[in-house]
Amino acid sequence: MRIPAPNNTPVANEEVLFQHVQFKTGQRIHTIGQPFEMLYVVNSGFLKTVMIDELGNEQVLSFPMKSDLLGVDGIHSKFHTSEAVALSDCDLILVPFKKLTALGKTYPELEHAMYGVMSRELVREQAMICMLGTLSAEGRVARFLVSLSDRFSQMGYSHRIFNLRMTRHEIGSYIGLTLETVSRTLSALHEIGWISVDQKTIEIKDLNALRNLRRLPTAKARKEKKTAAAVAAAMSRQQQNAGQAASL
């Protein structure tokens, strides 16, 4: 996300004044309990935000990408209540909160843009809560892939083929499933031909099917369907061969 400002004003190039900082994979951007001083805009890269309980268990809250905003959790209490970690090398724009509020008084467009981003994050969070409460395990994984596809498309990348920067365990934490369930569902979606999985690379083959999925057929039903398809293909080849032989 660009930090917008009206053209032909002293703040038109204000983004230049905001510091860009590079973070390496695995590096923490802010930690739980850290005093809140600034917001972070993702210029490039992939991250995760997490809550950590008293036993050290991690709950993934989000997977911020380009144009997303980090650090909003610290506005109320003046301390961060979550932790942000880079899943890849990242370039973040550091926006001191005091500076932002001062600029917002003079340039409302800037303030409105930041509110718009915060509202988008709230809508995304509400959609996640709704998904967790209404969809099956298979539906959650499918909807997660659709969400990633949509976000990559918005960033100008391929919405069909992309790499998962997060682990299966992190995906499960985010959508309320175990690592085993995520892996099993990805394999099932691969088996029926809706996606192709090659380690961390995902290729979406039937986006509409994923978007509308509620529950997958059982493993037995999938096996029977696969067997029937193989038999039909074999019979078709036999008929073609017989037709070719008759024409000779």
Protein backbone atom coordinates (compact mmCIF):
# COMPACT_ATOMS: atom_id res chain seq x y z
CA MET A 1 0.00 0.00 0.00
CA ARG A 2 1.17 3.49 -0.83
CA ILE A 3 0.70 6.12 1.83
CA PRO A 4 -1.46 8.51 -0.23
CA ALA A 5 -1.47 12.25 -0.12
CA PRO A 6 -2.99 14.97 -2.29
CA ASN A 7 -0.97 15.96 -5.35
CA ASN A 8 0.88 19.28 -5.44
CA THR A 9 1.08 19.58 -1.66
CA PRO A 10 4.09 19.59 0.68
CA VAL A 11 3.11 16.07 1.77
CA ALA A 12 2.71 14.64 -1.75
CA ASN A 13 6.01 12.79 -1.39
CA GLU A 14 5.49 11.93 2.25
CA GLU A 15 6.00 8.22 1.66
CA VAL A 16 9.67 8.97 1.06
CA LEU A 17 9.90 10.29 4.62
CA PHE A 18 8.60 7.04 6.09
CA GLN A 19 11.44 4.64 6.75
CA HIS A 20 11.67 1.38 4.81
CA VAL A 21 13.13 -1.48 6.84
CA GLN A 22 14.06 -4.93 5.56
CA PHE A 23 13.38 -7.99 7.72
CA LYS A 24 14.81 -11.46 7.13
CA THR A 25 12.77 -14.67 7.18
CA GLY A 26 11.99 -15.62 10.78
CA GLN A 27 12.72 -12.15 12.16
CA ARG A 28 10.17 -10.60 14.53
CA ILE A 29 8.73 -7.21 13.65
CA HIS A 30 7.10 -6.61 17.03
CA THR A 31 6.54 -8.81 20.07
CA ILE A 32 3.81 -9.23 22.68
CA GLY A 33 4.13 -6.58 25.39
CA GLN A 34 6.30 -4.29 23.28
CA PRO A 35 5.33 -0.61 23.67
CA PHE A 36 3.24 0.60 20.75
CA GLU A 37 4.89 3.36 18.74
CA MET A 38 4.20 2.73 15.08
CA LEU A 39 2.24 0.93 12.42
CA TYR A 40 3.83 -1.19 9.72
CA VAL A 41 2.75 -1.30 6.08
CA VAL A 42 3.83 -4.36 4.09
CA ASN A 43 5.58 -3.16 0.94
CA SER A 44 6.70 -6.65 -0.05
CA GLY A 45 6.96 -10.10 1.53
CA PHE A 46 4.80 -12.38 3.65
CA LEU A 47 4.29 -12.50 7.41
CA LYS A 48 2.19 -14.04 10.14
CA THR A 49 0.72 -12.52 13.28
CA VAL A 50 0.25 -14.76 16.30
CA MET A 51 -0.96 -14.89 19.87
CA ILE A 52 1.06 -17.00 22.32
CA ASP A 53 -0.51 -18.43 25.48
CA GLU A 54 1.13 -18.99 28.84
CA LEU A 55 2.23 -22.49 27.76
CA GLY A 56 3.94 -21.18 24.66
CA ASN A 57 1.29 -22.43 22.25
CA GLU A 58 0.95 -20.31 19.11
CA GLN A 59 -2.35 -19.25 17.54
CA VAL A 60 -2.05 -17.75 14.05
CA LEU A 61 -4.22 -14.66 13.63
CA SER A 62 -3.43 -13.56 10.07
CA PHE A 63 -1.04 -13.80 7.14
CA PRO A 64 -0.27 -10.19 6.14
CA MET A 65 0.89 -9.57 2.57
CA LYS A 66 1.59 -6.59 0.35
CA SER A 67 -0.51 -3.50 1.27
CA ASP A 68 -1.60 -4.95 4.61
CA LEU A 69 -1.23 -3.10 7.90
CA LEU A 70 0.44 -4.43 11.07
CA GLY A 71 0.47 -3.15 14.62
CA VAL A 72 -3.12 -1.99 14.98
CA ASP A 73 -3.51 -4.21 18.05
CA GLY A 74 -1.36 -1.78 20.05
CA ILE A 75 -3.49 1.34 19.54
CA HIS A 76 -5.88 0.71 22.45
CA SER A 77 -3.57 -0.47 25.24
CA LYS A 78 -0.36 1.18 23.95
CA PHE A 79 1.25 -2.27 24.02
CA HIS A 80 1.24 -4.95 21.35
CA THR A 81 -0.94 -7.93 22.23
CA SER A 82 0.28 -10.05 19.30
CA GLU A 83 3.54 -10.90 17.61
CA ALA A 84 4.43 -10.40 13.94
CA VAL A 85 6.98 -12.69 12.27
CA ALA A 86 8.39 -12.58 8.72
CA LEU A 87 7.65 -15.72 6.69
CA SER A 88 9.92 -14.45 3.91
CA ASP A 89 12.32 -11.58 3.42
CA CYS A 90 10.15 -8.47 3.79
CA ASP A 91 10.25 -4.75 3.13
CA LEU A 92 8.05 -2.82 5.57
CA ILE A 93 7.20 0.86 5.75
CA LEU A 94 7.41 2.13 9.32
CA VAL A 95 4.73 4.71 10.10
CA PRO A 96 5.15 6.40 13.52
CA PHE A 97 1.65 6.66 14.95
CA LYS A 98 2.12 10.16 16.35
CA LYS A 99 3.33 11.38 12.97
CA LEU A 100 0.39 9.73 11.25
CA THR A 101 -2.19 11.35 13.54
CA ALA A 102 -0.51 14.75 13.09
CA LEU A 103 -0.57 14.42 9.30
CA GLY A 104 -4.15 13.19 9.41
CA LYS A 105 -5.33 16.45 10.94
CA THR A 106 -3.95 18.39 8.00
CA TYR A 107 -4.54 15.87 5.23
CA PRO A 108 -7.83 13.95 5.83
CA GLU A 109 -7.23 11.79 2.74
CA LEU A 110 -4.30 10.17 4.49
CA GLU A 111 -6.32 9.47 7.62
CA HIS A 112 -9.24 8.08 5.60
CA ALA A 113 -6.92 5.76 3.70
CA MET A 114 -5.57 4.28 6.95
CA TYR A 115 -9.10 3.86 8.30
CA GLY A 116 -9.99 2.07 5.07
CA VAL A 117 -7.17 -0.41 5.55
CA MET A 118 -8.16 -1.01 9.18
CA SER A 119 -11.76 -1.59 8.12
CA ARG A 120 -10.63 -4.09 5.49
CA GLU A 121 -8.74 -6.03 8.15
CA LEU A 122 -11.86 -6.08 10.35
CA VAL A 123 -14.00 -7.38 7.48
CA ARG A 124 -11.42 -10.09 6.77
CA GLU A 125 -11.43 -11.10 10.45
CA GLN A 126 -15.24 -11.28 10.49
CA ALA A 127 -15.21 -13.46 7.37
CA MET A 128 -12.76 -15.80 9.08
CA ILE A 129 -14.97 -16.11 12.17
CA CYS A 130 -17.97 -16.86 9.95
CA MET A 131 -15.99 -19.49 8.04
CA LEU A 132 -14.88 -21.25 11.22
CA GLY A 133 -18.45 -21.42 12.45
CA THR A 134 -20.15 -22.66 9.29
CA LEU A 135 -17.79 -24.67 7.06
CA SER A 136 -16.54 -28.24 7.27
CA ALA A 137 -12.81 -28.97 7.53
CA GLU A 138 -12.61 -29.47 3.75
CA GLY A 139 -14.54 -26.26 3.17
CA ARG A 140 -12.16 -24.30 5.38
CA VAL A 141 -9.08 -25.48 3.49
CA ALA A 142 -10.77 -24.79 0.14
CA ARG A 143 -11.89 -21.31 1.24
CA PHE A 144 -8.38 -20.57 2.51
CA LEU A 145 -6.94 -21.42 -0.92
CA VAL A 146 -9.59 -19.27 -2.61
CA SER A 147 -8.73 -16.39 -0.30
CA LEU A 148 -5.04 -16.69 -1.15
CA SER A 149 -5.88 -16.86 -4.85
CA ASP A 150 -7.96 -13.68 -4.59
CA ARG A 151 -5.26 -11.83 -2.67
CA PHE A 152 -2.51 -12.83 -5.10
CA SER A 153 -4.72 -11.63 -7.96
CA GLN A 154 -5.24 -8.27 -6.23
CA MET A 155 -1.46 -7.92 -5.90
CA GLY A 156 -1.01 -8.52 -9.63
CA TYR A 157 0.35 -12.06 -9.28
CA SER A 158 -0.95 -15.32 -10.71
CA HIS A 159 -4.13 -16.46 -8.98
CA ARG A 160 -3.69 -19.96 -10.38
CA ILE A 161 -0.17 -20.91 -9.31
CA PHE A 162 1.46 -19.68 -6.11
CA ASN A 163 3.73 -20.80 -3.29
CA LEU A 164 2.53 -21.33 0.26
CA ARG A 165 4.85 -19.31 2.48
CA MET A 166 3.28 -20.77 5.59
CA THR A 167 3.55 -24.35 6.85
CA ARG A 168 0.66 -26.81 6.98
CA HIS A 169 0.75 -26.45 10.76
CA GLU A 170 0.40 -22.64 10.51
CA ILE A 171 -2.51 -23.01 8.07
CA GLY A 172 -4.19 -25.38 10.51
CA SER A 173 -3.69 -22.97 13.39
CA TYR A 174 -5.25 -20.17 11.34
CA ILE A 175 -8.35 -22.09 10.24
CA GLY A 176 -8.79 -24.22 13.36
CA LEU A 177 -7.60 -27.60 12.07
CA THR A 178 -4.79 -30.02 12.81
CA LEU A 179 -1.75 -30.35 10.56
CA GLU A 180 -2.90 -33.85 9.62
CA THR A 181 -6.35 -32.63 8.55
CA VAL A 182 -4.86 -29.86 6.39
CA SER A 183 -2.43 -32.27 4.72
CA ARG A 184 -5.12 -34.91 4.18
CA THR A 185 -7.52 -32.36 2.66
CA LEU A 186 -4.89 -30.94 0.32
CA SER A 187 -4.12 -34.48 -0.83
CA ALA A 188 -7.84 -35.17 -1.39
CA LEU A 189 -8.27 -31.96 -3.42
CA HIS A 190 -5.23 -32.97 -5.45
CA GLU A 191 -6.65 -36.47 -5.97
CA ILE A 192 -9.95 -35.24 -7.41
CA GLY A 193 -8.13 -32.80 -9.68
CA TRP A 194 -9.26 -29.48 -8.21
CA ILE A 195 -5.72 -28.48 -7.29
CA SER A 196 -2.19 -29.69 -7.95
CA VAL A 197 0.19 -29.87 -5.00
CA ASP A 198 3.97 -29.97 -5.37
CA GLN A 199 5.43 -29.43 -1.90
CA LYS A 200 4.74 -25.71 -1.26
CA THR A 201 3.52 -24.94 -4.80
CA ILE A 202 -0.24 -24.91 -5.34
CA GLU A 203 -1.91 -24.83 -8.74
CA ILE A 204 -5.62 -24.06 -8.74
CA LYS A 205 -7.36 -26.11 -11.41
CA ASP A 206 -11.03 -25.55 -10.51
CA LEU A 207 -11.50 -22.31 -8.60
CA ASN A 208 -15.30 -22.42 -8.72
CA ALA A 209 -15.38 -25.92 -7.25
CA LEU A 210 -13.18 -24.76 -4.37
CA ARG A 211 -15.27 -21.65 -3.82
CA ASN A 212 -18.49 -23.66 -3.56
CA LEU A 213 -17.17 -26.69 -1.67
CA ARG A 214 -19.05 -27.65 1.46
CA ARG A 215 -17.89 -31.23 2.00
CA LEU A 216 -15.79 -33.66 -0.03
CA PRO A 217 -17.00 -37.15 -0.99
CA THR A 218 -15.68 -39.90 1.26
CA ALA A 219 -12.40 -41.60 0.41
CA LYS A 220 -14.37 -44.70 -0.64
CA ALA A 221 -16.59 -42.67 -2.97
CA ARG A 222 -13.56 -40.92 -4.48
CA LYS A 223 -11.88 -44.29 -5.05
CA GLU A 224 -14.97 -45.74 -6.71
CA LYS A 225 -15.30 -42.67 -8.93
CA LYS A 226 -11.62 -42.88 -9.88
CA THR A 227 -11.98 -46.59 -10.70
CA ALA A 228 -15.07 -45.96 -12.80
CA ALA A 229 -13.28 -43.21 -14.70
CA ALA A 230 -10.31 -45.53 -15.35
CA VAL A 231 -12.62 -48.28 -16.63
CA ALA A 232 -14.45 -45.83 -18.90
CA ALA A 233 -11.14 -44.58 -20.29
CA ALA A 234 -9.94 -48.13 -20.92
CA MET A 235 -13.17 -49.02 -22.74
CA SER A 236 -12.88 -45.87 -24.84
CA ARG A 237 -9.35 -46.81 -25.86
CA GLN A 238 -10.48 -50.34 -26.76
CA GLN A 239 -13.27 -48.94 -28.95
CA GLN A 240 -10.85 -46.60 -30.68
CA ASN A 241 -8.40 -49.43 -31.30
CA ALA A 242 -11.20 -51.66 -32.64
CA GLY A 243 -12.35 -48.90 -34.96
CA GLN A 244 -8.83 -48.36 -36.28
CA ALA A 245 -8.38 -52.11 -36.84
CA ALA A 246 -11.70 -52.35 -38.73
CA SER A 247 -10.69 -49.52 -41.05
CA LEU A 248 -7.48 -51.26 -42.11
